Amino acid sequence: MEISKEQVEHVARLARLEVSEDEKAMFARQLSGILTYMDQLKELDTKGVEPTATVLPTDNVFRDDNVRPSLPQEKALANAPDQADGFFRVPKILEDR
């Protein structure tokens, strides 16, 4: 399957990314190569192969949920570069609409 530069532009626009003409061509080639490889993988016979998320054995390790005293507010805010009324102050990142 071939990915066009127009498709790369569309995805970049959706992701709000700026890409140069050279990058568009490079990404189109790379994505096309990935899809070609995926088509090759589809040809493999996987009957009898159990689905898995990882090839390594994993065990969940749980710890007891013990109630402990939390960090005092004053200590938590001690190194905060900016604070107000007992809260961290951070720069505004959203615009008012």
N, C-alpha and C. Protein backbone atom coordinates (compact mmCIF):
# COMPACT_ATOMS: atom_id res chain seq x y z
N MET A 1 0.85 -1.18 0.00
CA MET A 1 0.00 0.00 0.00
C MET A 1 0.89 1.24 0.00
N GLU A 2 0.55 2.18 -0.79
CA GLU A 2 1.33 3.42 -0.90
C GLU A 2 0.62 4.55 -0.16
N ILE A 3 1.36 5.25 0.65
CA ILE A 3 0.86 6.44 1.34
C ILE A 3 1.29 7.66 0.54
N SER A 4 0.35 8.54 0.27
CA SER A 4 0.67 9.73 -0.52
C SER A 4 1.09 10.88 0.39
N LYS A 5 1.73 11.87 -0.22
CA LYS A 5 2.11 13.07 0.53
C LYS A 5 0.87 13.78 1.05
N GLU A 6 -0.23 13.70 0.31
CA GLU A 6 -1.48 14.32 0.74
C GLU A 6 -2.00 13.66 2.02
N GLN A 7 -1.86 12.34 2.11
CA GLN A 7 -2.29 11.64 3.32
C GLN A 7 -1.41 12.03 4.51
N VAL A 8 -0.12 12.18 4.26
CA VAL A 8 0.80 12.63 5.32
C VAL A 8 0.41 14.04 5.76
N GLU A 9 0.11 14.92 4.80
CA GLU A 9 -0.32 16.28 5.13
C GLU A 9 -1.59 16.26 5.98
N HIS A 10 -2.53 15.39 5.62
CA HIS A 10 -3.79 15.29 6.36
C HIS A 10 -3.54 14.86 7.81
N VAL A 11 -2.74 13.83 8.00
CA VAL A 11 -2.44 13.35 9.35
C VAL A 11 -1.67 14.43 10.13
N ALA A 12 -0.74 15.09 9.48
CA ALA A 12 0.02 16.16 10.15
C ALA A 12 -0.91 17.29 10.57
N ARG A 13 -1.86 17.62 9.71
CA ARG A 13 -2.82 18.68 10.05
C ARG A 13 -3.67 18.26 11.25
N LEU A 14 -4.12 17.00 11.26
CA LEU A 14 -4.92 16.50 12.40
C LEU A 14 -4.12 16.55 13.70
N ALA A 15 -2.82 16.24 13.61
CA ALA A 15 -1.95 16.23 14.79
C ALA A 15 -1.37 17.61 15.08
N ARG A 16 -1.75 18.59 14.25
CA ARG A 16 -1.24 19.96 14.37
C ARG A 16 0.29 19.99 14.35
N LEU A 17 0.85 19.28 13.39
CA LEU A 17 2.30 19.24 13.21
C LEU A 17 2.67 19.96 11.92
N GLU A 18 3.76 20.67 11.96
CA GLU A 18 4.30 21.28 10.75
C GLU A 18 5.37 20.36 10.20
N VAL A 19 5.24 19.99 8.93
CA VAL A 19 6.25 19.14 8.30
C VAL A 19 6.66 19.78 6.98
N SER A 20 7.94 19.69 6.69
CA SER A 20 8.47 20.26 5.45
C SER A 20 8.15 19.33 4.29
N GLU A 21 8.37 19.82 3.08
CA GLU A 21 8.13 18.99 1.89
C GLU A 21 9.02 17.75 1.91
N ASP A 22 10.28 17.92 2.33
CA ASP A 22 11.19 16.77 2.42
C ASP A 22 10.67 15.75 3.43
N GLU A 23 10.18 16.24 4.57
CA GLU A 23 9.65 15.34 5.59
C GLU A 23 8.40 14.62 5.10
N LYS A 24 7.55 15.32 4.36
CA LYS A 24 6.34 14.68 3.82
C LYS A 24 6.72 13.51 2.92
N ALA A 25 7.70 13.72 2.06
CA ALA A 25 8.13 12.65 1.16
C ALA A 25 8.76 11.51 1.96
N MET A 26 9.59 11.85 2.95
CA MET A 26 10.24 10.83 3.77
C MET A 26 9.20 10.02 4.55
N PHE A 27 8.24 10.71 5.18
CA PHE A 27 7.22 10.01 5.96
C PHE A 27 6.34 9.14 5.06
N ALA A 28 6.03 9.62 3.87
CA ALA A 28 5.22 8.82 2.94
C ALA A 28 5.96 7.53 2.60
N ARG A 29 7.27 7.63 2.32
CA ARG A 29 8.06 6.43 2.02
C ARG A 29 8.12 5.49 3.23
N GLN A 30 8.40 6.04 4.40
CA GLN A 30 8.52 5.22 5.60
C GLN A 30 7.20 4.53 5.95
N LEU A 31 6.11 5.27 5.91
CA LEU A 31 4.81 4.68 6.24
C LEU A 31 4.40 3.64 5.21
N SER A 32 4.70 3.89 3.95
CA SER A 32 4.41 2.89 2.91
C SER A 32 5.20 1.62 3.17
N GLY A 33 6.46 1.77 3.57
CA GLY A 33 7.29 0.60 3.89
C GLY A 33 6.74 -0.18 5.07
N ILE A 34 6.25 0.52 6.08
CA ILE A 34 5.66 -0.15 7.24
C ILE A 34 4.42 -0.93 6.82
N LEU A 35 3.56 -0.32 6.02
CA LEU A 35 2.35 -1.01 5.58
C LEU A 35 2.67 -2.21 4.69
N THR A 36 3.69 -2.10 3.86
CA THR A 36 4.11 -3.23 3.04
C THR A 36 4.57 -4.38 3.94
N TYR A 37 5.33 -4.06 4.97
CA TYR A 37 5.80 -5.08 5.90
C TYR A 37 4.61 -5.71 6.64
N MET A 38 3.63 -4.90 7.01
CA MET A 38 2.44 -5.42 7.70
C MET A 38 1.69 -6.40 6.78
N ASP A 39 1.63 -6.08 5.49
CA ASP A 39 0.99 -7.00 4.54
C ASP A 39 1.73 -8.33 4.50
N GLN A 40 3.06 -8.30 4.59
CA GLN A 40 3.84 -9.54 4.62
C GLN A 40 3.51 -10.34 5.88
N LEU A 41 3.36 -9.66 7.01
CA LEU A 41 3.05 -10.34 8.25
C LEU A 41 1.66 -10.99 8.20
N LYS A 42 0.74 -10.39 7.46
CA LYS A 42 -0.61 -10.96 7.34
C LYS A 42 -0.58 -12.33 6.67
N GLU A 43 0.46 -12.59 5.88
CA GLU A 43 0.55 -13.86 5.16
C GLU A 43 0.98 -15.02 6.06
N LEU A 44 1.47 -14.72 7.25
CA LEU A 44 1.93 -15.77 8.16
C LEU A 44 0.76 -16.59 8.68
N ASP A 45 0.97 -17.89 8.81
CA ASP A 45 -0.04 -18.77 9.38
C ASP A 45 0.11 -18.74 10.90
N THR A 46 -0.87 -18.14 11.56
CA THR A 46 -0.80 -18.03 13.02
C THR A 46 -1.83 -18.91 13.71
N LYS A 47 -2.38 -19.87 12.98
CA LYS A 47 -3.33 -20.79 13.61
C LYS A 47 -2.58 -21.59 14.67
N GLY A 48 -3.19 -21.73 15.82
CA GLY A 48 -2.56 -22.47 16.90
C GLY A 48 -1.59 -21.65 17.73
N VAL A 49 -1.40 -20.39 17.38
CA VAL A 49 -0.52 -19.52 18.16
C VAL A 49 -1.41 -18.71 19.10
N GLU A 50 -1.16 -18.86 20.39
CA GLU A 50 -1.98 -18.17 21.38
C GLU A 50 -1.68 -16.67 21.37
N PRO A 51 -2.73 -15.84 21.34
CA PRO A 51 -2.49 -14.39 21.38
C PRO A 51 -1.79 -13.99 22.67
N THR A 52 -0.91 -13.02 22.55
CA THR A 52 -0.19 -12.54 23.73
C THR A 52 0.17 -11.08 23.54
N ALA A 53 0.35 -10.38 24.64
CA ALA A 53 0.75 -8.98 24.58
C ALA A 53 2.26 -8.82 24.70
N THR A 54 2.91 -9.86 25.21
CA THR A 54 4.37 -9.80 25.38
C THR A 54 4.93 -11.21 25.28
N VAL A 55 6.17 -11.31 24.89
CA VAL A 55 6.79 -12.63 24.76
C VAL A 55 7.42 -13.08 26.07
N LEU A 56 7.51 -12.17 27.03
CA LEU A 56 8.11 -12.50 28.32
C LEU A 56 7.01 -12.80 29.33
N PRO A 57 7.25 -13.75 30.22
CA PRO A 57 6.25 -14.02 31.25
C PRO A 57 6.16 -12.83 32.22
N THR A 58 4.95 -12.49 32.60
CA THR A 58 4.77 -11.39 33.54
C THR A 58 3.87 -11.83 34.68
N ASP A 59 4.17 -11.33 35.84
CA ASP A 59 3.34 -11.57 37.01
C ASP A 59 3.02 -10.23 37.64
N ASN A 60 1.77 -10.05 38.01
CA ASN A 60 1.42 -8.83 38.73
C ASN A 60 1.95 -8.92 40.14
N VAL A 61 2.55 -7.86 40.57
CA VAL A 61 3.08 -7.80 41.92
C VAL A 61 2.28 -6.74 42.66
N PHE A 62 1.52 -7.19 43.64
CA PHE A 62 0.71 -6.27 44.40
C PHE A 62 1.31 -6.09 45.79
N ARG A 63 1.16 -4.93 46.33
CA ARG A 63 1.58 -4.68 47.70
C ARG A 63 0.34 -4.34 48.50
N ASP A 64 0.43 -4.53 49.79
CA ASP A 64 -0.68 -4.16 50.64
C ASP A 64 -0.88 -2.65 50.59
N ASP A 65 -2.14 -2.25 50.57
CA ASP A 65 -2.48 -0.83 50.57
C ASP A 65 -2.62 -0.38 52.00
N ASN A 66 -1.53 0.13 52.53
CA ASN A 66 -1.52 0.55 53.93
C ASN A 66 -1.71 2.05 54.04
N VAL A 67 -2.55 2.46 54.96
CA VAL A 67 -2.77 3.89 55.21
C VAL A 67 -1.57 4.42 55.98
N ARG A 68 -0.99 5.49 55.44
CA ARG A 68 0.15 6.13 56.09
C ARG A 68 -0.08 7.64 56.08
N PRO A 69 0.56 8.34 56.97
CA PRO A 69 0.41 9.80 56.96
C PRO A 69 0.95 10.37 55.64
N SER A 70 0.25 11.35 55.13
CA SER A 70 0.72 11.98 53.89
C SER A 70 1.66 13.13 54.19
N LEU A 71 2.26 13.66 53.17
CA LEU A 71 3.20 14.76 53.29
C LEU A 71 2.42 16.01 53.72
N PRO A 72 2.90 16.72 54.74
CA PRO A 72 2.19 17.95 55.15
C PRO A 72 2.20 18.97 54.00
N GLN A 73 1.13 19.73 53.91
CA GLN A 73 0.98 20.69 52.82
C GLN A 73 2.14 21.68 52.78
N GLU A 74 2.57 22.15 53.91
CA GLU A 74 3.67 23.13 53.94
C GLU A 74 4.95 22.53 53.36
N LYS A 75 5.21 21.27 53.70
CA LYS A 75 6.42 20.61 53.21
C LYS A 75 6.32 20.34 51.70
N ALA A 76 5.12 19.98 51.24
CA ALA A 76 4.92 19.71 49.82
C ALA A 76 5.14 20.99 49.00
N LEU A 77 4.75 22.11 49.55
CA LEU A 77 4.86 23.38 48.83
C LEU A 77 6.18 24.11 49.09
N ALA A 78 7.03 23.56 49.95
CA ALA A 78 8.26 24.24 50.37
C ALA A 78 9.15 24.65 49.20
N ASN A 79 9.28 23.83 48.18
CA ASN A 79 10.16 24.14 47.05
C ASN A 79 9.40 24.57 45.80
N ALA A 80 8.12 24.85 45.95
CA ALA A 80 7.32 25.27 44.79
C ALA A 80 7.77 26.65 44.34
N PRO A 81 8.02 26.83 43.05
CA PRO A 81 8.45 28.14 42.58
C PRO A 81 7.35 29.19 42.72
N ASP A 82 6.08 28.75 42.72
CA ASP A 82 4.98 29.69 42.86
C ASP A 82 3.82 28.96 43.53
N GLN A 83 3.20 29.61 44.50
CA GLN A 83 2.08 28.99 45.22
C GLN A 83 1.11 30.09 45.64
N ALA A 84 -0.12 29.67 45.87
CA ALA A 84 -1.14 30.61 46.34
C ALA A 84 -2.21 29.84 47.10
N ASP A 85 -2.55 30.32 48.27
CA ASP A 85 -3.62 29.75 49.08
C ASP A 85 -3.46 28.25 49.31
N GLY A 86 -2.23 27.81 49.48
CA GLY A 86 -1.98 26.41 49.77
C GLY A 86 -1.98 25.50 48.55
N PHE A 87 -1.90 26.07 47.35
CA PHE A 87 -1.90 25.29 46.11
C PHE A 87 -0.69 25.66 45.26
N PHE A 88 -0.27 24.73 44.40
CA PHE A 88 0.75 25.03 43.40
C PHE A 88 0.15 25.97 42.37
N ARG A 89 0.89 26.99 41.96
CA ARG A 89 0.46 27.85 40.84
C ARG A 89 1.32 27.47 39.65
N VAL A 90 0.67 27.27 38.51
CA VAL A 90 1.37 26.91 37.29
C VAL A 90 0.94 27.86 36.18
N PRO A 91 1.76 27.99 35.15
CA PRO A 91 1.38 28.88 34.04
C PRO A 91 0.11 28.40 33.36
N LYS A 92 -0.70 29.35 32.93
CA LYS A 92 -1.93 29.03 32.20
C LYS A 92 -1.56 28.47 30.84
N ILE A 93 -2.20 27.36 30.47
CA ILE A 93 -1.89 26.77 29.16
C ILE A 93 -3.09 26.78 28.22
N LEU A 94 -4.27 27.05 28.73
CA LEU A 94 -5.47 27.08 27.89
C LEU A 94 -5.92 28.52 27.73
N GLU A 95 -6.40 28.83 26.55
CA GLU A 95 -6.90 30.18 26.29
C GLU A 95 -8.38 30.23 26.63
N ASP A 96 -8.83 31.41 27.07
CA ASP A 96 -10.26 31.62 27.30
C ASP A 96 -10.94 31.70 25.94
N ARG A 97 -12.11 31.12 25.86
CA ARG A 97 -12.87 31.17 24.58
C ARG A 97 -14.14 31.89 24.79
